[in-house]
Amino acid sequence: MVHSLVMRTFCWACILSAMLATGLAVAFQTQAPAAKTLSDEELAKLLEQPGKVFFLDVREPEEIASLGSIKGYVNIPLSQIESRLKEIPKDKLIVTL
């Protein structure tokens, strides 16, 4: 039962992340290149270059309380994303959770 709940929560987080990526791509389409899915190797290379990546956690506080947070991610809940767009850098690769 707990496993099922965790998987459902994780799936929703994936869906919300995809929605966020699409929304950000639309919001910044004149200022930034289109959204791209990175391979593990591509992400690993970027992680070797400090300051190039912005880690964004779009989960709501309840989700973080129940599942935990990830060190280095900045939490801006999806419900607040529009009002907090200025906190998301335009000059870095954004990796969402």
PDB file of N, CA and C in Angstrom:
ATOM      1  N   MET A   1       0.822  -1.197   0.000  1.00  0.00           N
ATOM      2  CA  MET A   1       0.000   0.000   0.000  1.00  0.00           C
ATOM      3  C   MET A   1       0.868   1.264   0.000  1.00  0.00           C
ATOM      4  N   VAL A   2       1.896   1.284   0.871  1.00  0.00           N
ATOM      5  CA  VAL A   2       2.785   2.449   0.925  1.00  0.00           C
ATOM      6  C   VAL A   2       3.532   2.589  -0.402  1.00  0.00           C
ATOM      7  N   HIS A   3       4.004   1.472  -0.949  1.00  0.00           N
ATOM      8  CA  HIS A   3       4.708   1.500  -2.227  1.00  0.00           C
ATOM      9  C   HIS A   3       3.816   2.093  -3.321  1.00  0.00           C
ATOM     10  N   SER A   4       2.560   1.703  -3.333  1.00  0.00           N
ATOM     11  CA  SER A   4       1.614   2.212  -4.328  1.00  0.00           C
ATOM     12  C   SER A   4       1.437   3.714  -4.185  1.00  0.00           C
ATOM     13  N   LEU A   5       1.340   4.191  -2.943  1.00  0.00           N
ATOM     14  CA  LEU A   5       1.176   5.621  -2.702  1.00  0.00           C
ATOM     15  C   LEU A   5       2.418   6.381  -3.141  1.00  0.00           C
ATOM     16  N   VAL A   6       3.590   5.848  -2.830  1.00  0.00           N
ATOM     17  CA  VAL A   6       4.833   6.502  -3.227  1.00  0.00           C
ATOM     18  C   VAL A   6       4.938   6.564  -4.744  1.00  0.00           C
ATOM     19  N   MET A   7       4.606   5.469  -5.421  1.00  0.00           N
ATOM     20  CA  MET A   7       4.670   5.446  -6.880  1.00  0.00           C
ATOM     21  C   MET A   7       3.684   6.440  -7.488  1.00  0.00           C
ATOM     22  N   ARG A   8       2.464   6.511  -6.917  1.00  0.00           N
ATOM     23  CA  ARG A   8       1.494   7.471  -7.441  1.00  0.00           C
ATOM     24  C   ARG A   8       1.997   8.892  -7.250  1.00  0.00           C
ATOM     25  N   THR A   9       2.569   9.175  -6.070  1.00  0.00           N
ATOM     26  CA  THR A   9       3.097  10.513  -5.801  1.00  0.00           C
ATOM     27  C   THR A   9       4.248  10.819  -6.750  1.00  0.00           C
ATOM     28  N   PHE A  10       5.133   9.836  -6.948  1.00  0.00           N
ATOM     29  CA  PHE A  10       6.257  10.030  -7.854  1.00  0.00           C
ATOM     30  C   PHE A  10       5.765  10.290  -9.271  1.00  0.00           C
ATOM     31  N   CYS A  11       4.751   9.536  -9.697  1.00  0.00           N
ATOM     32  CA  CYS A  11       4.206   9.729 -11.050  1.00  0.00           C
ATOM     33  C   CYS A  11       3.635  11.127 -11.204  1.00  0.00           C
ATOM     34  N   TRP A  12       2.917  11.599 -10.181  1.00  0.00           N
ATOM     35  CA  TRP A  12       2.379  12.961 -10.250  1.00  0.00           C
ATOM     36  C   TRP A  12       3.505  13.976 -10.312  1.00  0.00           C
ATOM     37  N   ALA A  13       4.563  13.746  -9.545  1.00  0.00           N
ATOM     38  CA  ALA A  13       5.701  14.665  -9.586  1.00  0.00           C
ATOM     39  C   ALA A  13       6.305  14.696 -10.986  1.00  0.00           C
ATOM     40  N   CYS A  14       6.386  13.534 -11.642  1.00  0.00           N
ATOM     41  CA  CYS A  14       6.911  13.478 -13.020  1.00  0.00           C
ATOM     42  C   CYS A  14       6.012  14.256 -13.979  1.00  0.00           C
ATOM     43  N   ILE A  15       4.715  14.065 -13.837  1.00  0.00           N
ATOM     44  CA  ILE A  15       3.762  14.758 -14.707  1.00  0.00           C
ATOM     45  C   ILE A  15       3.857  16.259 -14.492  1.00  0.00           C
ATOM     46  N   LEU A  16       3.915  16.670 -13.228  1.00  0.00           N
ATOM     47  CA  LEU A  16       4.001  18.097 -12.928  1.00  0.00           C
ATOM     48  C   LEU A  16       5.312  18.687 -13.454  1.00  0.00           C
ATOM     49  N   SER A  17       6.393  17.930 -13.345  1.00  0.00           N
ATOM     50  CA  SER A  17       7.674  18.406 -13.868  1.00  0.00           C
ATOM     51  C   SER A  17       7.613  18.600 -15.374  1.00  0.00           C
ATOM     52  N   ALA A  18       6.971  17.667 -16.057  1.00  0.00           N
ATOM     53  CA  ALA A  18       6.827  17.787 -17.510  1.00  0.00           C
ATOM     54  C   ALA A  18       5.988  19.013 -17.862  1.00  0.00           C
ATOM     55  N   MET A  19       4.922  19.229 -17.084  1.00  0.00           N
ATOM     56  CA  MET A  19       4.080  20.404 -17.324  1.00  0.00           C
ATOM     57  C   MET A  19       4.879  21.678 -17.096  1.00  0.00           C
ATOM     58  N   LEU A  20       5.691  21.683 -16.036  1.00  0.00           N
ATOM     59  CA  LEU A  20       6.515  22.852 -15.745  1.00  0.00           C
ATOM     60  C   LEU A  20       7.502  23.113 -16.874  1.00  0.00           C
ATOM     61  N   ALA A  21       8.167  22.067 -17.328  1.00  0.00           N
ATOM     62  CA  ALA A  21       9.139  22.225 -18.408  1.00  0.00           C
ATOM     63  C   ALA A  21       8.476  22.802 -19.650  1.00  0.00           C
ATOM     64  N   THR A  22       7.281  22.329 -19.956  1.00  0.00           N
ATOM     65  CA  THR A  22       6.544  22.847 -21.104  1.00  0.00           C
ATOM     66  C   THR A  22       6.171  24.309 -20.881  1.00  0.00           C
ATOM     67  N   GLY A  23       5.699  24.609 -19.678  1.00  0.00           N
ATOM     68  CA  GLY A  23       5.314  25.985 -19.355  1.00  0.00           C
ATOM     69  C   GLY A  23       6.486  26.934 -19.420  1.00  0.00           C
ATOM     70  N   LEU A  24       7.622  26.518 -18.895  1.00  0.00           N
ATOM     71  CA  LEU A  24       8.809  27.369 -18.939  1.00  0.00           C
ATOM     72  C   LEU A  24       9.298  27.553 -20.371  1.00  0.00           C
ATOM     73  N   ALA A  25       9.205  26.503 -21.153  1.00  0.00           N
ATOM     74  CA  ALA A  25       9.617  26.615 -22.556  1.00  0.00           C
ATOM     75  C   ALA A  25       8.752  27.633 -23.279  1.00  0.00           C
ATOM     76  N   VAL A  26       7.456  27.638 -23.002  1.00  0.00           N
ATOM     77  CA  VAL A  26       6.547  28.603 -23.629  1.00  0.00           C
ATOM     78  C   VAL A  26       6.844  30.008 -23.112  1.00  0.00           C
ATOM     79  N   ALA A  27       7.045  30.124 -21.786  1.00  0.00           N
ATOM     80  CA  ALA A  27       7.280  31.435 -21.185  1.00  0.00           C
ATOM     81  C   ALA A  27       8.567  32.073 -21.693  1.00  0.00           C
ATOM     82  N   PHE A  28       9.588  31.268 -21.931  1.00  0.00           N
ATOM     83  CA  PHE A  28      10.879  31.798 -22.331  1.00  0.00           C
ATOM     84  C   PHE A  28      11.216  31.526 -23.787  1.00  0.00           C
ATOM     85  N   GLN A  29      10.224  31.177 -24.591  1.00  0.00           N
ATOM     86  CA  GLN A  29      10.531  30.743 -25.951  1.00  0.00           C
ATOM     87  C   GLN A  29      11.265  31.789 -26.770  1.00  0.00           C
ATOM     88  N   THR A  30      11.070  33.061 -26.497  1.00  0.00           N
ATOM     89  CA  THR A  30      11.796  34.075 -27.248  1.00  0.00           C
ATOM     90  C   THR A  30      13.162  34.349 -26.649  1.00  0.00           C
ATOM     91  N   GLN A  31      13.403  33.866 -25.408  1.00  0.00           N
ATOM     92  CA  GLN A  31      14.649  34.169 -24.727  1.00  0.00           C
ATOM     93  C   GLN A  31      15.555  32.951 -24.562  1.00  0.00           C
ATOM     94  N   ALA A  32      15.017  31.755 -24.679  1.00  0.00           N
ATOM     95  CA  ALA A  32      15.811  30.557 -24.414  1.00  0.00           C
ATOM     96  C   ALA A  32      15.512  29.495 -25.465  1.00  0.00           C
ATOM     97  N   PRO A  33      16.440  28.582 -25.645  1.00  0.00           N
ATOM     98  CA  PRO A  33      16.199  27.491 -26.589  1.00  0.00           C
ATOM     99  C   PRO A  33      15.108  26.562 -26.074  1.00  0.00           C
ATOM    100  N   ALA A  34      14.586  25.751 -26.962  1.00  0.00           N
ATOM    101  CA  ALA A  34      13.513  24.817 -26.609  1.00  0.00           C
ATOM    102  C   ALA A  34      13.997  23.826 -25.552  1.00  0.00           C
ATOM    103  N   ALA A  35      13.039  23.298 -24.781  1.00  0.00           N
ATOM    104  CA  ALA A  35      13.351  22.312 -23.747  1.00  0.00           C
ATOM    105  C   ALA A  35      13.968  21.074 -24.381  1.00  0.00           C
ATOM    106  N   LYS A  36      14.876  20.445 -23.654  1.00  0.00           N
ATOM    107  CA  LYS A  36      15.569  19.267 -24.164  1.00  0.00           C
ATOM    108  C   LYS A  36      15.689  18.245 -23.052  1.00  0.00           C
ATOM    109  N   THR A  37      15.547  16.998 -23.399  1.00  0.00           N
ATOM    110  CA  THR A  37      15.783  15.922 -22.452  1.00  0.00           C
ATOM    111  C   THR A  37      17.249  15.542 -22.551  1.00  0.00           C
ATOM    112  N   LEU A  38      17.921  15.509 -21.405  1.00  0.00           N
ATOM    113  CA  LEU A  38      19.338  15.184 -21.381  1.00  0.00           C
ATOM    114  C   LEU A  38      19.551  13.710 -21.075  1.00  0.00           C
ATOM    115  N   SER A  39      20.592  13.169 -21.648  1.00  0.00           N
ATOM    116  CA  SER A  39      20.990  11.809 -21.291  1.00  0.00           C
ATOM    117  C   SER A  39      21.738  11.878 -19.963  1.00  0.00           C
ATOM    118  N   ASP A  40      21.942  10.738 -19.338  1.00  0.00           N
ATOM    119  CA  ASP A  40      22.697  10.691 -18.088  1.00  0.00           C
ATOM    120  C   ASP A  40      24.101  11.252 -18.285  1.00  0.00           C
ATOM    121  N   GLU A  41      24.704  10.910 -19.405  1.00  0.00           N
ATOM    122  CA  GLU A  41      26.062  11.363 -19.684  1.00  0.00           C
ATOM    123  C   GLU A  41      26.125  12.880 -19.865  1.00  0.00           C
ATOM    124  N   GLU A  42      25.149  13.434 -20.578  1.00  0.00           N
ATOM    125  CA  GLU A  42      25.116  14.884 -20.792  1.00  0.00           C
ATOM    126  C   GLU A  42      24.949  15.624 -19.470  1.00  0.00           C
ATOM    127  N   LEU A  43      24.062  15.122 -18.617  1.00  0.00           N
ATOM    128  CA  LEU A  43      23.850  15.749 -17.313  1.00  0.00           C
ATOM    129  C   LEU A  43      25.105  15.623 -16.461  1.00  0.00           C
ATOM    130  N   ALA A  44      25.753  14.475 -16.475  1.00  0.00           N
ATOM    131  CA  ALA A  44      26.981  14.276 -15.699  1.00  0.00           C
ATOM    132  C   ALA A  44      28.055  15.281 -16.111  1.00  0.00           C
ATOM    133  N   LYS A  45      28.185  15.550 -17.408  1.00  0.00           N
ATOM    134  CA  LYS A  45      29.170  16.531 -17.886  1.00  0.00           C
ATOM    135  C   LYS A  45      28.834  17.933 -17.394  1.00  0.00           C
ATOM    136  N   LEU A  46      27.541  18.271 -17.408  1.00  0.00           N
ATOM    137  CA  LEU A  46      27.135  19.591 -16.922  1.00  0.00           C
ATOM    138  C   LEU A  46      27.379  19.740 -15.422  1.00  0.00           C
ATOM    139  N   LEU A  47      27.185  18.660 -14.687  1.00  0.00           N
ATOM    140  CA  LEU A  47      27.380  18.705 -13.236  1.00  0.00           C
ATOM    141  C   LEU A  47      28.840  18.926 -12.866  1.00  0.00           C
ATOM    142  N   GLU A  48      29.730  18.631 -13.778  1.00  0.00           N
ATOM    143  CA  GLU A  48      31.156  18.862 -13.555  1.00  0.00           C
ATOM    144  C   GLU A  48      31.510  20.343 -13.687  1.00  0.00           C
ATOM    145  N   GLN A  49      30.562  21.145 -14.152  1.00  0.00           N
ATOM    146  CA  GLN A  49      30.778  22.578 -14.351  1.00  0.00           C
ATOM    147  C   GLN A  49      29.896  23.358 -13.379  1.00  0.00           C
ATOM    148  N   PRO A  50      30.400  23.650 -12.180  1.00  0.00           N
ATOM    149  CA  PRO A  50      29.584  24.353 -11.179  1.00  0.00           C
ATOM    150  C   PRO A  50      29.005  25.656 -11.722  1.00  0.00           C
ATOM    151  N   GLY A  51      27.793  25.933 -11.344  1.00  0.00           N
ATOM    152  CA  GLY A  51      27.145  27.170 -11.748  1.00  0.00           C
ATOM    153  C   GLY A  51      26.420  27.118 -13.080  1.00  0.00           C
ATOM    154  N   LYS A  52      26.472  26.007 -13.773  1.00  0.00           N
ATOM    155  CA  LYS A  52      25.814  25.896 -15.082  1.00  0.00           C
ATOM    156  C   LYS A  52      24.390  25.361 -14.989  1.00  0.00           C
ATOM    157  N   VAL A  53      24.046  24.728 -13.848  1.00  0.00           N
ATOM    158  CA  VAL A  53      22.758  24.049 -13.716  1.00  0.00           C
ATOM    159  C   VAL A  53      21.998  24.604 -12.516  1.00  0.00           C
ATOM    160  N   PHE A  54      20.690  24.800 -12.692  1.00  0.00           N
ATOM    161  CA  PHE A  54      19.799  25.219 -11.606  1.00  0.00           C
ATOM    162  C   PHE A  54      18.827  24.076 -11.366  1.00  0.00           C
ATOM    163  N   PHE A  55      18.856  23.527 -10.151  1.00  0.00           N
ATOM    164  CA  PHE A  55      17.983  22.415  -9.802  1.00  0.00           C
ATOM    165  C   PHE A  55      16.713  22.952  -9.168  1.00  0.00           C
ATOM    166  N   LEU A  56      15.576  22.653  -9.793  1.00  0.00           N
ATOM    167  CA  LEU A  56      14.287  23.183  -9.365  1.00  0.00           C
ATOM    168  C   LEU A  56      13.355  22.045  -8.960  1.00  0.00           C
ATOM    169  N   ASP A  57      12.895  22.093  -7.716  1.00  0.00           N
ATOM    170  CA  ASP A  57      11.947  21.113  -7.182  1.00  0.00           C
ATOM    171  C   ASP A  57      10.579  21.778  -7.172  1.00  0.00           C
ATOM    172  N   VAL A  58       9.651  21.286  -7.973  1.00  0.00           N
ATOM    173  CA  VAL A  58       8.332  21.916  -8.106  1.00  0.00           C
ATOM    174  C   VAL A  58       7.268  21.241  -7.236  1.00  0.00           C
ATOM    175  N   ARG A  59       7.708  20.343  -6.354  1.00  0.00           N
ATOM    176  CA  ARG A  59       6.736  19.652  -5.504  1.00  0.00           C
ATOM    177  C   ARG A  59       6.178  20.587  -4.433  1.00  0.00           C
ATOM    178  N   GLU A  60       4.976  20.276  -3.996  1.00  0.00           N
ATOM    179  CA  GLU A  60       4.321  21.046  -2.941  1.00  0.00           C
ATOM    180  C   GLU A  60       4.926  20.663  -1.587  1.00  0.00           C
ATOM    181  N   PRO A  61       4.794  21.530  -0.572  1.00  0.00           N
ATOM    182  CA  PRO A  61       5.385  21.251   0.743  1.00  0.00           C
ATOM    183  C   PRO A  61       4.972  19.906   1.340  1.00  0.00           C
ATOM    184  N   GLU A  62       3.731  19.490   1.113  1.00  0.00           N
ATOM    185  CA  GLU A  62       3.273  18.212   1.658  1.00  0.00           C
ATOM    186  C   GLU A  62       4.051  17.044   1.051  1.00  0.00           C
ATOM    187  N   GLU A  63       4.348  17.154  -0.245  1.00  0.00           N
ATOM    188  CA  GLU A  63       5.102  16.098  -0.913  1.00  0.00           C
ATOM    189  C   GLU A  63       6.534  16.027  -0.381  1.00  0.00           C
ATOM    190  N   ILE A  64       7.133  17.168  -0.170  1.00  0.00           N
ATOM    191  CA  ILE A  64       8.497  17.199   0.351  1.00  0.00           C
ATOM    192  C   ILE A  64       8.524  16.661   1.775  1.00  0.00           C
ATOM    193  N   ALA A  65       7.506  17.016   2.575  1.00  0.00           N
ATOM    194  CA  ALA A  65       7.440  16.523   3.951  1.00  0.00           C
ATOM    195  C   ALA A  65       7.334  15.003   3.995  1.00  0.00           C
ATOM    196  N   SER A  66       6.590  14.428   3.069  1.00  0.00           N
ATOM    197  CA  SER A  66       6.398  12.980   3.100  1.00  0.00           C
ATOM    198  C   SER A  66       7.508  12.212   2.378  1.00  0.00           C
ATOM    199  N   LEU A  67       8.113  12.800   1.358  1.00  0.00           N
ATOM    200  CA  LEU A  67       9.119  12.084   0.565  1.00  0.00           C
ATOM    201  C   LEU A  67      10.541  12.571   0.795  1.00  0.00           C
ATOM    202  N   GLY A  68      10.694  13.733   1.399  1.00  0.00           N
ATOM    203  CA  GLY A  68      12.015  14.288   1.629  1.00  0.00           C
ATOM    204  C   GLY A  68      12.461  15.199   0.505  1.00  0.00           C
ATOM    205  N   SER A  69      13.502  15.953   0.787  1.00  0.00           N
ATOM    206  CA  SER A  69      14.030  16.868  -0.215  1.00  0.00           C
ATOM    207  C   SER A  69      15.353  16.346  -0.755  1.00  0.00           C
ATOM    208  N   ILE A  70      15.847  17.017  -1.760  1.00  0.00           N
ATOM    209  CA  ILE A  70      17.115  16.646  -2.369  1.00  0.00           C
ATOM    210  C   ILE A  70      18.055  17.838  -2.229  1.00  0.00           C
ATOM    211  N   LYS A  71      19.210  17.588  -1.646  1.00  0.00           N
ATOM    212  CA  LYS A  71      20.186  18.648  -1.420  1.00  0.00           C
ATOM    213  C   LYS A  71      20.532  19.341  -2.736  1.00  0.00           C
ATOM    214  N   GLY A  72      20.516  20.658  -2.699  1.00  0.00           N
ATOM    215  CA  GLY A  72      20.885  21.438  -3.875  1.00  0.00           C
ATOM    216  C   GLY A  72      19.714  21.906  -4.717  1.00  0.00           C
ATOM    217  N   TYR A  73      18.545  21.312  -4.525  1.00  0.00           N
ATOM    218  CA  TYR A  73      17.365  21.727  -5.288  1.00  0.00           C
ATOM    219  C   TYR A  73      16.706  22.924  -4.615  1.00  0.00           C
ATOM    220  N   VAL A  74      16.239  23.874  -5.397  1.00  0.00           N
ATOM    221  CA  VAL A  74      15.479  25.014  -4.902  1.00  0.00           C
ATOM    222  C   VAL A  74      14.004  24.657  -5.061  1.00  0.00           C
ATOM    223  N   ASN A  75      13.247  24.786  -3.975  1.00  0.00           N
ATOM    224  CA  ASN A  75      11.830  24.437  -4.034  1.00  0.00           C
ATOM    225  C   ASN A  75      10.994  25.666  -4.372  1.00  0.00           C
ATOM    226  N   ILE A  76      10.330  25.596  -5.503  1.00  0.00           N
ATOM    227  CA  ILE A  76       9.298  26.565  -5.885  1.00  0.00           C
ATOM    228  C   ILE A  76       8.110  25.707  -6.299  1.00  0.00           C
ATOM    229  N   PRO A  77       7.120  25.562  -5.405  1.00  0.00           N
ATOM    230  CA  PRO A  77       5.976  24.702  -5.724  1.00  0.00           C
ATOM    231  C   PRO A  77       5.314  25.124  -7.036  1.00  0.00           C
ATOM    232  N   LEU A  78       4.840  24.135  -7.764  1.00  0.00           N
ATOM    233  CA  LEU A  78       4.211  24.394  -9.054  1.00  0.00           C
ATOM    234  C   LEU A  78       3.084  25.412  -8.935  1.00  0.00           C
ATOM    235  N   SER A  79       2.368  25.378  -7.819  1.00  0.00           N
ATOM    236  CA  SER A  79       1.259  26.318  -7.627  1.00  0.00           C
ATOM    237  C   SER A  79       1.742  27.766  -7.505  1.00  0.00           C
ATOM    238  N   GLN A  80       3.042  27.976  -7.261  1.00  0.00           N
ATOM    239  CA  GLN A  80       3.595  29.326  -7.099  1.00  0.00           C
ATOM    240  C   GLN A  80       4.513  29.735  -8.252  1.00  0.00           C
ATOM    241  N   ILE A  81       4.677  28.860  -9.201  1.00  0.00           N
ATOM    242  CA  ILE A  81       5.700  29.076 -10.228  1.00  0.00           C
ATOM    243  C   ILE A  81       5.514  30.385 -10.997  1.00  0.00           C
ATOM    244  N   GLU A  82       4.286  30.698 -11.351  1.00  0.00           N
ATOM    245  CA  GLU A  82       4.046  31.921 -12.137  1.00  0.00           C
ATOM    246  C   GLU A  82       4.436  33.174 -11.365  1.00  0.00           C
ATOM    247  N   SER A  83       4.120  33.210 -10.077  1.00  0.00           N
ATOM    248  CA  SER A  83       4.422  34.400  -9.278  1.00  0.00           C
ATOM    249  C   SER A  83       5.894  34.470  -8.875  1.00  0.00           C
ATOM    250  N   ARG A  84       6.647  33.391  -9.058  1.00  0.00           N
ATOM    251  CA  ARG A  84       8.044  33.354  -8.632  1.00  0.00           C
ATOM    252  C   ARG A  84       9.024  33.134  -9.785  1.00  0.00           C
ATOM    253  N   LEU A  85       8.590  33.403 -11.010  1.00  0.00           N
ATOM    254  CA  LEU A  85       9.447  33.184 -12.184  1.00  0.00           C
ATOM    255  C   LEU A  85      10.770  33.937 -12.102  1.00  0.00           C
ATOM    256  N   LYS A  86      10.779  35.084 -11.438  1.00  0.00           N
ATOM    257  CA  LYS A  86      12.006  35.874 -11.354  1.00  0.00           C
ATOM    258  C   LYS A  86      13.106  35.159 -10.577  1.00  0.00           C
ATOM    259  N   GLU A  87      12.724  34.156  -9.774  1.00  0.00           N
ATOM    260  CA  GLU A  87      13.713  33.406  -8.995  1.00  0.00           C
ATOM    261  C   GLU A  87      14.413  32.325  -9.817  1.00  0.00           C
ATOM    262  N   ILE A  88      13.914  32.083 -11.013  1.00  0.00           N
ATOM    263  CA  ILE A  88      14.482  31.036 -11.864  1.00  0.00           C
ATOM    264  C   ILE A  88      15.428  31.695 -12.863  1.00  0.00           C
ATOM    265  N   PRO A  89      16.705  31.333 -12.801  1.00  0.00           N
ATOM    266  CA  PRO A  89      17.665  31.981 -13.706  1.00  0.00           C
ATOM    267  C   PRO A  89      17.402  31.638 -15.169  1.00  0.00           C
ATOM    268  N   LYS A  90      17.672  32.603 -16.018  1.00  0.00           N
ATOM    269  CA  LYS A  90      17.482  32.415 -17.456  1.00  0.00           C
ATOM    270  C   LYS A  90      18.761  31.961 -18.151  1.00  0.00           C
ATOM    271  N   ASP A  91      19.868  32.037 -17.444  1.00  0.00           N
ATOM    272  CA  ASP A  91      21.149  31.724 -18.061  1.00  0.00           C
ATOM    273  C   ASP A  91      21.716  30.375 -17.658  1.00  0.00           C
ATOM    274  N   LYS A  92      20.901  29.522 -17.032  1.00  0.00           N
ATOM    275  CA  LYS A  92      21.352  28.203 -16.606  1.00  0.00           C
ATOM    276  C   LYS A  92      20.399  27.131 -17.129  1.00  0.00           C
ATOM    277  N   LEU A  93      20.919  25.943 -17.232  1.00  0.00           N
ATOM    278  CA  LEU A  93      20.094  24.793 -17.557  1.00  0.00           C
ATOM    279  C   LEU A  93      19.241  24.492 -16.331  1.00  0.00           C
ATOM    280  N   ILE A  94      17.946  24.321 -16.512  1.00  0.00           N
ATOM    281  CA  ILE A  94      17.040  24.055 -15.404  1.00  0.00           C
ATOM    282  C   ILE A  94      16.696  22.570 -15.410  1.00  0.00           C
ATOM    283  N   VAL A  95      17.018  21.908 -14.306  1.00  0.00           N
ATOM    284  CA  VAL A  95      16.698  20.496 -14.127  1.00  0.00           C
ATOM    285  C   VAL A  95      15.611  20.433 -13.072  1.00  0.00           C
ATOM    286  N   THR A  96      14.448  19.881 -13.454  1.00  0.00           N
ATOM    287  CA  THR A  96      13.314  19.875 -12.538  1.00  0.00           C
ATOM    288  C   THR A  96      13.089  18.510 -11.925  1.00  0.00           C
ATOM    289  N   LEU A  97      12.452  18.563 -10.774  1.00  0.00           N
ATOM    290  CA  LEU A  97      12.020  17.352 -10.090  1.00  0.00           C
ATOM    291  C   LEU A  97      10.577  17.535  -9.733  1.00  0.00           C
TER     292      LEU A  97
END
